[in-house]
Structure formats: structure tokens, C-alpha cells
């Protein structure tokens, strides 16, 4: 096993196949296939299950991917440090309020302590507003609610989240969308990806038939739900950091409940600060979706 093989392996996983990985790496597909076969031979295991034209990671491949990502990130960070391009200056990070409250404190504290020449600025907002600020270069990177579409951005998955519907504590169980037909919905303003998840669960045009109370704080949303003003959809990780929350949780189908928070930055603009943050995130225990 060598480092170049790990880079090719990671590209095949990220691009979803040999042909796209070869294009990204500026190699012919046969060279990429040879690299993968050499890596499998050196490891003595199959890293992919081959199904017609598609490749799926094997259990061994899943394990190797975790280590490959860490090794590649550490290599990039080492090169950055050795060449003197450590993070410095203002690093503007955007994040959802939920991610800021439940996930970021130890990460930001670690980055702040490790890179004293970098000044962190944190901006919170909805998924769409953060992507807009990235496009306008008002921020350098962002933790969003879903992977961005289109080719303007690059991203890596970071946190697995599980969304849950909440109601007042004494509310009857909510098992299906029609169980909330007579209730108000409490949500962030338009542009919130979790609001779109709620809309998909309820039905494509359903929000037009509901009364919607728009708030911009999870603490305010939870307080209104607890008081009986309506129901809301939010990450369980946020509820877990709110002690003595008097609400009832109602699971929704996994297809809507399980989401991934990525770190997003502008394509082709890997600054020293973004690189260092990626390396720090890669050293965290691998996040899995809630069961």
C-alpha cells in the first residue's frame, strides 16, 4: 500500500466510480483500475463490490476509507505547516444555528487554540443564506444542512443528524402527516433545508394549507412548541443539549429523518484555514447516521 493508491481509492469513492475519478485525476480509467487492484492485492481484501457498472464499498473498504481520509488530511496539513502556510488572518465560517449549538463549540475552541494567528468569525443562518454568502465571498466555508448542488462548491460530509418532530409534552402520538393537519407549524424562515424536509414529509404543496409561525431561534421554537403553539422539526442533537425540555418527540421516516451536515467551500479555493479545518474534522471519530 502506498499513499498514491490511497488518493486514487478516495477519489473513486468520492466520484462514485472509476471513469469520473479518472477524469478528476487526469488519468485514463485503466490506470485507475490498476491502482485499485494493486491496493486490494496489497491489503489482501476486496475494497469494492462490483455490480454491473457501479461500485459499492465493501465493509473493508468502509474501514480503509476512514483511515485514508485521515492520512490524506494529515499529509496536506503537514505540507501546509512545513511550507509556512499555516492559518492566519480572518477565517469566516458560516453555520446553521443547530450546528453552532450542538456540534461546533469544541471544534472552534480547538482551532482557536491551535492557530493563534487566525481570527475566527462565525456567522449563523439558514442553508440557502449560507450558500449565498459563500457565493458572494462574505464567508470562507460553511456547515450547511445538505450537500450543495451544482459545481460551484466542494464539500465533505461531517456530521450525521437525525431530525425529529416535536410537540407539546401532552400531545397524542404523531405517526403520519395527517396527524398534524389541525396544528400550526413552527419553523425557520424560507431557505431552511429542514423546513423543506418537513414540507416533503407533509406533501409537496402542504405548507400552503398550514399556518406557519416563523422564528429564527431554536430556543424560541422549542419554547413555543412546549407552550402548545404547534409542532416543529429539528435535529435531535439540539434537543440533547437543552436540559429539561418539556416536549414530546415523534419519529418520522428515516428517508426524511437522516441527514448529513457537510462542510462546504468554493470550488478550487482551498485556503490554509479551510485545509486546517478539514484536517481537524478528519481527526474526529467518524460520524454515522442515527439508526
C-alpha atoms as a PDB file:
ATOM      1  CA  UNK A   1       0.000   0.000   0.000  1.00  0.00           C
ATOM      2  CA  UNK A   2       1.312   3.439  -0.892  1.00  0.00           C
ATOM      3  CA  UNK A   3      -0.001   6.944  -0.479  1.00  0.00           C
ATOM      4  CA  UNK A   4      -0.830   7.453  -4.163  1.00  0.00           C
ATOM      5  CA  UNK A   5      -3.023   4.352  -4.112  1.00  0.00           C
ATOM      6  CA  UNK A   6      -4.974   5.770  -1.151  1.00  0.00           C
ATOM      7  CA  UNK A   7      -5.543   9.033  -3.030  1.00  0.00           C
ATOM      8  CA  UNK A   8      -6.878   7.140  -6.044  1.00  0.00           C
ATOM      9  CA  UNK A   9      -9.073   4.977  -3.800  1.00  0.00           C
ATOM     10  CA  UNK A  10     -10.539   8.060  -2.107  1.00  0.00           C
ATOM     11  CA  UNK A  11     -11.238   9.714  -5.474  1.00  0.00           C
ATOM     12  CA  UNK A  12     -13.083   6.626  -6.754  1.00  0.00           C
ATOM     13  CA  UNK A  13     -15.286   6.684  -3.646  1.00  0.00           C
ATOM     14  CA  UNK A  14     -15.947  10.432  -3.847  1.00  0.00           C
ATOM     15  CA  UNK A  15     -16.693  10.411  -7.584  1.00  0.00           C
ATOM     16  CA  UNK A  16     -18.796   7.264  -7.470  1.00  0.00           C
ATOM     17  CA  UNK A  17     -16.806   5.276  -9.996  1.00  0.00           C
ATOM     18  CA  UNK A  18     -13.607   4.779 -11.965  1.00  0.00           C
ATOM     19  CA  UNK A  19     -14.441   6.896 -15.024  1.00  0.00           C
ATOM     20  CA  UNK A  20     -15.300  10.060 -13.103  1.00  0.00           C
ATOM     21  CA  UNK A  21     -12.333   9.552 -10.768  1.00  0.00           C
ATOM     22  CA  UNK A  22     -10.028   9.139 -13.769  1.00  0.00           C
ATOM     23  CA  UNK A  23     -11.333  12.412 -15.223  1.00  0.00           C
ATOM     24  CA  UNK A  24     -10.763  14.221 -11.934  1.00  0.00           C
ATOM     25  CA  UNK A  25      -7.250  12.773 -11.583  1.00  0.00           C
ATOM     26  CA  UNK A  26      -6.424  13.369 -15.278  1.00  0.00           C
ATOM     27  CA  UNK A  27      -5.672   9.703 -15.851  1.00  0.00           C
ATOM     28  CA  UNK A  28      -7.043   7.014 -18.112  1.00  0.00           C
ATOM     29  CA  UNK A  29      -9.624   4.699 -16.472  1.00  0.00           C
ATOM     30  CA  UNK A  30      -7.419   1.630 -16.899  1.00  0.00           C
ATOM     31  CA  UNK A  31      -4.695   3.270 -14.788  1.00  0.00           C
ATOM     32  CA  UNK A  32      -7.175   3.962 -12.002  1.00  0.00           C
ATOM     33  CA  UNK A  33      -8.485   0.379 -12.157  1.00  0.00           C
ATOM     34  CA  UNK A  34      -4.919  -0.931 -11.941  1.00  0.00           C
ATOM     35  CA  UNK A  35      -4.240   1.202  -8.876  1.00  0.00           C
ATOM     36  CA  UNK A  36      -7.351  -0.138  -7.136  1.00  0.00           C
ATOM     37  CA  UNK A  37      -6.421  -3.741  -7.948  1.00  0.00           C
ATOM     38  CA  UNK A  38      -2.896  -3.154  -6.641  1.00  0.00           C
ATOM     39  CA  UNK A  39      -4.297  -1.702  -3.425  1.00  0.00           C
ATOM     40  CA  UNK A  40      -6.661  -4.653  -2.987  1.00  0.00           C
ATOM     41  CA  UNK A  41      -3.795  -7.077  -3.620  1.00  0.00           C
ATOM     42  CA  UNK A  42      -1.548  -5.363  -1.078  1.00  0.00           C
ATOM     43  CA  UNK A  43      -4.322  -5.354   1.532  1.00  0.00           C
ATOM     44  CA  UNK A  44      -5.487  -8.896   0.749  1.00  0.00           C
ATOM     45  CA  UNK A  45      -9.164  -7.874   0.710  1.00  0.00           C
ATOM     46  CA  UNK A  46     -11.799  -6.653  -1.729  1.00  0.00           C
ATOM     47  CA  UNK A  47     -12.466  -2.954  -1.244  1.00  0.00           C
ATOM     48  CA  UNK A  48     -15.454  -2.746  -3.594  1.00  0.00           C
ATOM     49  CA  UNK A  49     -18.411  -4.883  -4.568  1.00  0.00           C
ATOM     50  CA  UNK A  50     -18.873  -4.643  -8.325  1.00  0.00           C
ATOM     51  CA  UNK A  51     -22.486  -4.537  -9.518  1.00  0.00           C
ATOM     52  CA  UNK A  52     -22.658  -4.127 -13.296  1.00  0.00           C
ATOM     53  CA  UNK A  53     -21.403  -0.580 -13.878  1.00  0.00           C
ATOM     54  CA  UNK A  54     -21.458   0.507 -10.246  1.00  0.00           C
ATOM     55  CA  UNK A  55     -19.002   0.122  -7.393  1.00  0.00           C
ATOM     56  CA  UNK A  56     -20.099  -0.210  -3.773  1.00  0.00           C
ATOM     57  CA  UNK A  57     -17.728  -0.079  -0.810  1.00  0.00           C
ATOM     58  CA  UNK A  58     -17.223  -3.390   0.966  1.00  0.00           C
ATOM     59  CA  UNK A  59     -17.006  -3.458   4.782  1.00  0.00           C
ATOM     60  CA  UNK A  60     -13.213  -3.482   4.435  1.00  0.00           C
ATOM     61  CA  UNK A  61     -13.457  -0.537   2.062  1.00  0.00           C
ATOM     62  CA  UNK A  62     -15.510   1.418   4.597  1.00  0.00           C
ATOM     63  CA  UNK A  63     -12.812   0.880   7.207  1.00  0.00           C
ATOM     64  CA  UNK A  64      -9.992   1.831   4.861  1.00  0.00           C
ATOM     65  CA  UNK A  65     -11.801   4.982   3.718  1.00  0.00           C
ATOM     66  CA  UNK A  66     -11.813   6.298   7.273  1.00  0.00           C
ATOM     67  CA  UNK A  67      -8.040   5.874   7.575  1.00  0.00           C
ATOM     68  CA  UNK A  68      -7.354   7.080   4.037  1.00  0.00           C
ATOM     69  CA  UNK A  69      -9.234  10.325   4.687  1.00  0.00           C
ATOM     70  CA  UNK A  70      -7.304  10.917   7.903  1.00  0.00           C
ATOM     71  CA  UNK A  71      -3.909  10.139   6.336  1.00  0.00           C
ATOM     72  CA  UNK A  72      -4.536  12.357   3.324  1.00  0.00           C
ATOM     73  CA  UNK A  73      -5.726  15.228   5.504  1.00  0.00           C
ATOM     74  CA  UNK A  74      -2.742  14.876   7.826  1.00  0.00           C
ATOM     75  CA  UNK A  75      -0.411  14.836   4.833  1.00  0.00           C
ATOM     76  CA  UNK A  76      -1.954  18.022   3.462  1.00  0.00           C
ATOM     77  CA  UNK A  77      -1.765  19.693   6.847  1.00  0.00           C
ATOM     78  CA  UNK A  78       1.886  18.673   7.291  1.00  0.00           C
ATOM     79  CA  UNK A  79       2.788  20.074   3.879  1.00  0.00           C
ATOM     80  CA  UNK A  80       0.946  23.298   4.711  1.00  0.00           C
ATOM     81  CA  UNK A  81       2.770  23.690   8.011  1.00  0.00           C
ATOM     82  CA  UNK A  82       6.205  22.841   6.599  1.00  0.00           C
ATOM     83  CA  UNK A  83       5.850  25.350   3.763  1.00  0.00           C
ATOM     84  CA  UNK A  84       4.850  28.041   6.225  1.00  0.00           C
ATOM     85  CA  UNK A  85       1.268  28.448   5.090  1.00  0.00           C
ATOM     86  CA  UNK A  86      -0.411  27.940   8.447  1.00  0.00           C
ATOM     87  CA  UNK A  87      -3.786  29.629   9.006  1.00  0.00           C
ATOM     88  CA  UNK A  88      -3.557  33.326   9.735  1.00  0.00           C
ATOM     89  CA  UNK A  89      -5.786  36.342   9.304  1.00  0.00           C
ATOM     90  CA  UNK A  90      -9.587  36.302   9.428  1.00  0.00           C
ATOM     91  CA  UNK A  91     -11.339  32.972   8.838  1.00  0.00           C
ATOM     92  CA  UNK A  92     -15.077  33.498   8.340  1.00  0.00           C
ATOM     93  CA  UNK A  93     -17.152  30.390   8.983  1.00  0.00           C
ATOM     94  CA  UNK A  94     -20.883  30.058   8.420  1.00  0.00           C
ATOM     95  CA  UNK A  95     -23.054  27.517  10.218  1.00  0.00           C
ATOM     96  CA  UNK A  96     -26.623  26.574  10.961  1.00  0.00           C
ATOM     97  CA  UNK A  97     -27.786  27.576  14.405  1.00  0.00           C
ATOM     98  CA  UNK A  98     -28.324  23.906  15.234  1.00  0.00           C
ATOM     99  CA  UNK A  99     -24.742  23.005  14.279  1.00  0.00           C
ATOM    100  CA  UNK A 100     -23.396  26.005  16.178  1.00  0.00           C
ATOM    101  CA  UNK A 101     -25.185  24.986  19.364  1.00  0.00           C
ATOM    102  CA  UNK A 102     -24.653  21.236  19.324  1.00  0.00           C
ATOM    103  CA  UNK A 103     -21.504  20.483  17.335  1.00  0.00           C
ATOM    104  CA  UNK A 104     -19.130  23.410  16.894  1.00  0.00           C
ATOM    105  CA  UNK A 105     -18.023  24.610  20.354  1.00  0.00           C
ATOM    106  CA  UNK A 106     -15.193  22.062  20.835  1.00  0.00           C
ATOM    107  CA  UNK A 107     -14.179  22.313  17.170  1.00  0.00           C
ATOM    108  CA  UNK A 108     -13.942  26.100  17.214  1.00  0.00           C
ATOM    109  CA  UNK A 109     -12.147  26.031  20.563  1.00  0.00           C
ATOM    110  CA  UNK A 110      -9.624  23.529  19.225  1.00  0.00           C
ATOM    111  CA  UNK A 111      -8.996  25.545  16.064  1.00  0.00           C
ATOM    112  CA  UNK A 112      -8.656  28.778  18.045  1.00  0.00           C
ATOM    113  CA  UNK A 113      -6.131  27.219  20.403  1.00  0.00           C
ATOM    114  CA  UNK A 114      -4.086  25.550  17.679  1.00  0.00           C
ATOM    115  CA  UNK A 115      -3.863  28.509  15.285  1.00  0.00           C
ATOM    116  CA  UNK A 116      -3.422  31.692  17.342  1.00  0.00           C
ATOM    117  CA  UNK A 117      -2.663  33.779  14.238  1.00  0.00           C
ATOM    118  CA  UNK A 118      -6.099  33.045  12.788  1.00  0.00           C
ATOM    119  CA  UNK A 119      -9.096  35.124  13.904  1.00  0.00           C
ATOM    120  CA  UNK A 120     -12.376  33.234  13.735  1.00  0.00           C
ATOM    121  CA  UNK A 121     -15.626  34.939  12.778  1.00  0.00           C
ATOM    122  CA  UNK A 122     -18.816  32.872  12.985  1.00  0.00           C
ATOM    123  CA  UNK A 123     -21.967  33.707  11.024  1.00  0.00           C
ATOM    124  CA  UNK A 124     -25.201  31.773  11.528  1.00  0.00           C
ATOM    125  CA  UNK A 125     -28.005  31.452   9.005  1.00  0.00           C
ATOM    126  CA  UNK A 126     -30.213  29.115   7.017  1.00  0.00           C
ATOM    127  CA  UNK A 127     -28.838  26.667   4.470  1.00  0.00           C
ATOM    128  CA  UNK A 128     -29.633  28.891   1.490  1.00  0.00           C
ATOM    129  CA  UNK A 129     -28.395  32.102   3.060  1.00  0.00           C
ATOM    130  CA  UNK A 130     -25.051  30.472   3.908  1.00  0.00           C
ATOM    131  CA  UNK A 131     -24.570  29.238   0.341  1.00  0.00           C
ATOM    132  CA  UNK A 132     -25.420  32.733  -0.877  1.00  0.00           C
ATOM    133  CA  UNK A 133     -22.806  34.253   1.394  1.00  0.00           C
ATOM    134  CA  UNK A 134     -20.252  31.721   0.162  1.00  0.00           C
ATOM    135  CA  UNK A 135     -21.002  32.697  -3.415  1.00  0.00           C
ATOM    136  CA  UNK A 136     -20.657  36.374  -2.559  1.00  0.00           C
ATOM    137  CA  UNK A 137     -17.377  35.690  -0.704  1.00  0.00           C
ATOM    138  CA  UNK A 138     -18.742  37.014   2.560  1.00  0.00           C
ATOM    139  CA  UNK A 139     -17.666  33.792   4.289  1.00  0.00           C
ATOM    140  CA  UNK A 140     -14.888  31.286   3.529  1.00  0.00           C
ATOM    141  CA  UNK A 141     -16.595  27.988   4.422  1.00  0.00           C
ATOM    142  CA  UNK A 142     -19.895  26.830   5.880  1.00  0.00           C
ATOM    143  CA  UNK A 143     -21.551  23.962   7.692  1.00  0.00           C
ATOM    144  CA  UNK A 144     -24.828  23.585   5.803  1.00  0.00           C
ATOM    145  CA  UNK A 145     -27.863  21.343   6.164  1.00  0.00           C
ATOM    146  CA  UNK A 146     -27.351  19.387   2.948  1.00  0.00           C
ATOM    147  CA  UNK A 147     -24.714  18.897   0.235  1.00  0.00           C
ATOM    148  CA  UNK A 148     -24.895  21.709  -2.334  1.00  0.00           C
ATOM    149  CA  UNK A 149     -25.986  21.018  -5.892  1.00  0.00           C
ATOM    150  CA  UNK A 150     -24.108  22.222  -8.943  1.00  0.00           C
ATOM    151  CA  UNK A 151     -20.393  22.633  -9.494  1.00  0.00           C
ATOM    152  CA  UNK A 152     -19.688  25.899  -7.680  1.00  0.00           C
ATOM    153  CA  UNK A 153     -18.760  24.245  -4.397  1.00  0.00           C
ATOM    154  CA  UNK A 154     -16.766  21.402  -2.922  1.00  0.00           C
ATOM    155  CA  UNK A 155     -17.750  19.663   0.292  1.00  0.00           C
ATOM    156  CA  UNK A 156     -17.036  16.819   2.677  1.00  0.00           C
ATOM    157  CA  UNK A 157     -19.614  15.081   4.909  1.00  0.00           C
ATOM    158  CA  UNK A 158     -19.045  15.827   8.575  1.00  0.00           C
ATOM    159  CA  UNK A 159     -21.947  15.122  10.930  1.00  0.00           C
ATOM    160  CA  UNK A 160     -24.800  12.654  10.725  1.00  0.00           C
ATOM    161  CA  UNK A 161     -28.004  14.158  12.103  1.00  0.00           C
ATOM    162  CA  UNK A 162     -31.433  12.729  12.840  1.00  0.00           C
ATOM    163  CA  UNK A 163     -34.430  15.036  12.554  1.00  0.00           C
ATOM    164  CA  UNK A 164     -37.427  14.537  14.809  1.00  0.00           C
ATOM    165  CA  UNK A 165     -40.853  16.140  15.050  1.00  0.00           C
ATOM    166  CA  UNK A 166     -41.643  17.743  18.410  1.00  0.00           C
ATOM    167  CA  UNK A 167     -44.922  18.722  20.028  1.00  0.00           C
ATOM    168  CA  UNK A 168     -46.131  19.758  23.467  1.00  0.00           C
ATOM    169  CA  UNK A 169     -45.497  17.131  26.114  1.00  0.00           C
ATOM    170  CA  UNK A 170     -49.154  16.044  26.439  1.00  0.00           C
ATOM    171  CA  UNK A 171     -49.828  15.736  22.701  1.00  0.00           C
ATOM    172  CA  UNK A 172     -51.043  12.417  21.290  1.00  0.00           C
ATOM    173  CA  UNK A 173     -48.566  10.351  19.232  1.00  0.00           C
ATOM    174  CA  UNK A 174     -47.936  11.659  15.723  1.00  0.00           C
ATOM    175  CA  UNK A 175     -47.381   8.780  13.317  1.00  0.00           C
ATOM    176  CA  UNK A 176     -48.301  10.230   9.926  1.00  0.00           C
ATOM    177  CA  UNK A 177     -48.630  13.594   8.205  1.00  0.00           C
ATOM    178  CA  UNK A 178     -52.393  13.805   8.609  1.00  0.00           C
ATOM    179  CA  UNK A 179     -51.967  13.718  12.396  1.00  0.00           C
ATOM    180  CA  UNK A 180     -50.802  17.359  12.278  1.00  0.00           C
ATOM    181  CA  UNK A 181     -53.453  18.729   9.908  1.00  0.00           C
ATOM    182  CA  UNK A 182     -55.062  20.891  12.615  1.00  0.00           C
ATOM    183  CA  UNK A 183     -51.779  22.196  14.050  1.00  0.00           C
ATOM    184  CA  UNK A 184     -49.606  25.207  13.290  1.00  0.00           C
ATOM    185  CA  UNK A 185     -46.086  24.606  12.029  1.00  0.00           C
ATOM    186  CA  UNK A 186     -43.188  26.393  13.717  1.00  0.00           C
ATOM    187  CA  UNK A 187     -40.133  26.747  11.515  1.00  0.00           C
ATOM    188  CA  UNK A 188     -37.217  28.885  10.439  1.00  0.00           C
ATOM    189  CA  UNK A 189     -37.884  31.293   7.541  1.00  0.00           C
ATOM    190  CA  UNK A 190     -37.742  30.227   3.889  1.00  0.00           C
ATOM    191  CA  UNK A 191     -34.303  28.982   2.927  1.00  0.00           C
ATOM    192  CA  UNK A 192     -34.139  26.473   5.784  1.00  0.00           C
ATOM    193  CA  UNK A 193     -33.386  22.993   4.422  1.00  0.00           C
ATOM    194  CA  UNK A 194     -35.075  21.295   7.394  1.00  0.00           C
ATOM    195  CA  UNK A 195     -38.235  23.235   6.580  1.00  0.00           C
ATOM    196  CA  UNK A 196     -38.090  21.686   3.104  1.00  0.00           C
ATOM    197  CA  UNK A 197     -37.729  18.238   4.687  1.00  0.00           C
ATOM    198  CA  UNK A 198     -40.887  18.922   6.709  1.00  0.00           C
ATOM    199  CA  UNK A 199     -42.644  20.022   3.545  1.00  0.00           C
ATOM    200  CA  UNK A 200     -41.646  16.826   1.724  1.00  0.00           C
ATOM    201  CA  UNK A 201     -42.952  14.719   4.604  1.00  0.00           C
ATOM    202  CA  UNK A 202     -46.243  16.571   4.725  1.00  0.00           C
ATOM    203  CA  UNK A 203     -46.667  16.669   0.941  1.00  0.00           C
ATOM    204  CA  UNK A 204     -45.318  18.920  -1.775  1.00  0.00           C
ATOM    205  CA  UNK A 205     -47.934  21.671  -1.530  1.00  0.00           C
ATOM    206  CA  UNK A 206     -48.939  21.190   2.068  1.00  0.00           C
ATOM    207  CA  UNK A 207     -47.334  24.233   3.728  1.00  0.00           C
ATOM    208  CA  UNK A 208     -49.749  26.473   1.865  1.00  0.00           C
ATOM    209  CA  UNK A 209     -52.598  24.888   3.841  1.00  0.00           C
ATOM    210  CA  UNK A 210     -50.952  25.282   7.266  1.00  0.00           C
ATOM    211  CA  UNK A 211     -50.494  28.257   9.488  1.00  0.00           C
ATOM    212  CA  UNK A 212     -46.741  28.764   9.805  1.00  0.00           C
ATOM    213  CA  UNK A 213     -45.066  30.597  12.672  1.00  0.00           C
ATOM    214  CA  UNK A 214     -41.590  31.662  11.532  1.00  0.00           C
ATOM    215  CA  UNK A 215     -38.886  32.055  14.171  1.00  0.00           C
ATOM    216  CA  UNK A 216     -35.112  32.362  13.908  1.00  0.00           C
ATOM    217  CA  UNK A 217     -34.025  30.645  17.117  1.00  0.00           C
ATOM    218  CA  UNK A 218     -34.266  27.029  18.188  1.00  0.00           C
ATOM    219  CA  UNK A 219     -34.730  28.112  21.786  1.00  0.00           C
ATOM    220  CA  UNK A 220     -37.732  30.202  20.739  1.00  0.00           C
ATOM    221  CA  UNK A 221     -39.084  27.361  18.594  1.00  0.00           C
ATOM    222  CA  UNK A 222     -38.831  24.834  21.421  1.00  0.00           C
ATOM    223  CA  UNK A 223     -40.414  27.243  23.893  1.00  0.00           C
ATOM    224  CA  UNK A 224     -43.390  27.854  21.579  1.00  0.00           C
ATOM    225  CA  UNK A 225     -43.812  24.133  20.925  1.00  0.00           C
ATOM    226  CA  UNK A 226     -43.702  23.387  24.656  1.00  0.00           C
ATOM    227  CA  UNK A 227     -46.395  26.023  25.181  1.00  0.00           C
ATOM    228  CA  UNK A 228     -48.667  24.271  22.681  1.00  0.00           C
ATOM    229  CA  UNK A 229     -48.350  26.704  19.768  1.00  0.00           C
ATOM    230  CA  UNK A 230     -47.704  23.960  17.211  1.00  0.00           C
ATOM    231  CA  UNK A 231     -45.172  21.384  16.045  1.00  0.00           C
ATOM    232  CA  UNK A 232     -41.644  21.706  14.671  1.00  0.00           C
ATOM    233  CA  UNK A 233     -38.952  19.611  13.010  1.00  0.00           C
ATOM    234  CA  UNK A 234     -35.438  19.848  14.401  1.00  0.00           C
ATOM    235  CA  UNK A 235     -32.219  17.856  14.935  1.00  0.00           C
ATOM    236  CA  UNK A 236     -32.192  15.587  17.961  1.00  0.00           C
ATOM    237  CA  UNK A 237     -28.662  16.813  18.728  1.00  0.00           C
ATOM    238  CA  UNK A 238     -30.102  20.262  19.531  1.00  0.00           C
ATOM    239  CA  UNK A 239     -32.680  18.823  21.908  1.00  0.00           C
ATOM    240  CA  UNK A 240     -29.949  16.783  23.581  1.00  0.00           C
ATOM    241  CA  UNK A 241     -28.102  19.946  24.644  1.00  0.00           C
ATOM    242  CA  UNK A 242     -31.245  21.607  26.007  1.00  0.00           C
ATOM    243  CA  UNK A 243     -31.742  20.369  29.575  1.00  0.00           C
ATOM    244  CA  UNK A 244     -35.248  19.742  30.873  1.00  0.00           C
ATOM    245  CA  UNK A 245     -37.012  20.379  27.568  1.00  0.00           C
ATOM    246  CA  UNK A 246     -40.737  19.722  28.064  1.00  0.00           C
ATOM    247  CA  UNK A 247     -41.626  18.478  24.600  1.00  0.00           C
ATOM    248  CA  UNK A 248     -42.582  15.139  23.107  1.00  0.00           C
ATOM    249  CA  UNK A 249     -40.531  13.643  20.285  1.00  0.00           C
ATOM    250  CA  UNK A 250     -42.223  11.912  17.356  1.00  0.00           C
ATOM    251  CA  UNK A 251     -40.009   9.988  14.894  1.00  0.00           C
ATOM    252  CA  UNK A 252     -40.516  10.480  11.171  1.00  0.00           C
ATOM    253  CA  UNK A 253     -39.461   8.026   8.419  1.00  0.00           C
ATOM    254  CA  UNK A 254     -35.714   7.512   8.076  1.00  0.00           C
ATOM    255  CA  UNK A 255     -35.789   8.688   4.465  1.00  0.00           C
ATOM    256  CA  UNK A 256     -36.586  12.182   5.744  1.00  0.00           C
ATOM    257  CA  UNK A 257     -35.072  11.959   9.217  1.00  0.00           C
ATOM    258  CA  UNK A 258     -31.472  11.034   8.407  1.00  0.00           C
ATOM    259  CA  UNK A 259     -29.476  13.943   7.011  1.00  0.00           C
ATOM    260  CA  UNK A 260     -25.801  14.849   6.760  1.00  0.00           C
ATOM    261  CA  UNK A 261     -24.182  18.169   7.630  1.00  0.00           C
ATOM    262  CA  UNK A 262     -21.312  18.906   5.214  1.00  0.00           C
ATOM    263  CA  UNK A 263     -18.503  21.445   5.314  1.00  0.00           C
ATOM    264  CA  UNK A 264     -18.725  23.466   2.092  1.00  0.00           C
ATOM    265  CA  UNK A 265     -16.264  25.831   0.396  1.00  0.00           C
ATOM    266  CA  UNK A 266     -15.870  27.415  -3.037  1.00  0.00           C
ATOM    267  CA  UNK A 267     -14.505  25.026  -5.653  1.00  0.00           C
ATOM    268  CA  UNK A 268     -10.793  25.413  -6.247  1.00  0.00           C
ATOM    269  CA  UNK A 269     -10.278  27.752  -3.289  1.00  0.00           C
ATOM    270  CA  UNK A 270      -8.658  25.631  -0.607  1.00  0.00           C
ATOM    271  CA  UNK A 271      -7.217  28.207   1.774  1.00  0.00           C
ATOM    272  CA  UNK A 272      -4.831  27.279   4.565  1.00  0.00           C
ATOM    273  CA  UNK A 273      -7.636  27.830   7.090  1.00  0.00           C
ATOM    274  CA  UNK A 274     -10.119  25.600   5.246  1.00  0.00           C
ATOM    275  CA  UNK A 275      -7.437  22.973   4.853  1.00  0.00           C
ATOM    276  CA  UNK A 276      -6.628  23.080   8.549  1.00  0.00           C
ATOM    277  CA  UNK A 277     -10.305  22.847   9.492  1.00  0.00           C
ATOM    278  CA  UNK A 278     -10.738  19.848   7.186  1.00  0.00           C
ATOM    279  CA  UNK A 279      -7.772  18.152   8.828  1.00  0.00           C
ATOM    280  CA  UNK A 280      -9.207  18.818  12.269  1.00  0.00           C
ATOM    281  CA  UNK A 281     -12.589  17.398  11.247  1.00  0.00           C
ATOM    282  CA  UNK A 282     -10.941  14.334   9.711  1.00  0.00           C
ATOM    283  CA  UNK A 283      -9.353  13.540  13.072  1.00  0.00           C
ATOM    284  CA  UNK A 284     -12.752  13.351  14.762  1.00  0.00           C
ATOM    285  CA  UNK A 285     -14.419   9.948  15.316  1.00  0.00           C
ATOM    286  CA  UNK A 286     -16.246   9.001  12.125  1.00  0.00           C
ATOM    287  CA  UNK A 287     -19.866  10.174  12.287  1.00  0.00           C
ATOM    288  CA  UNK A 288     -22.669   7.777  11.414  1.00  0.00           C
ATOM    289  CA  UNK A 289     -26.288   8.418  10.665  1.00  0.00           C
ATOM    290  CA  UNK A 290     -28.685   7.788  13.518  1.00  0.00           C
ATOM    291  CA  UNK A 291     -30.297   4.385  13.314  1.00  0.00           C
END
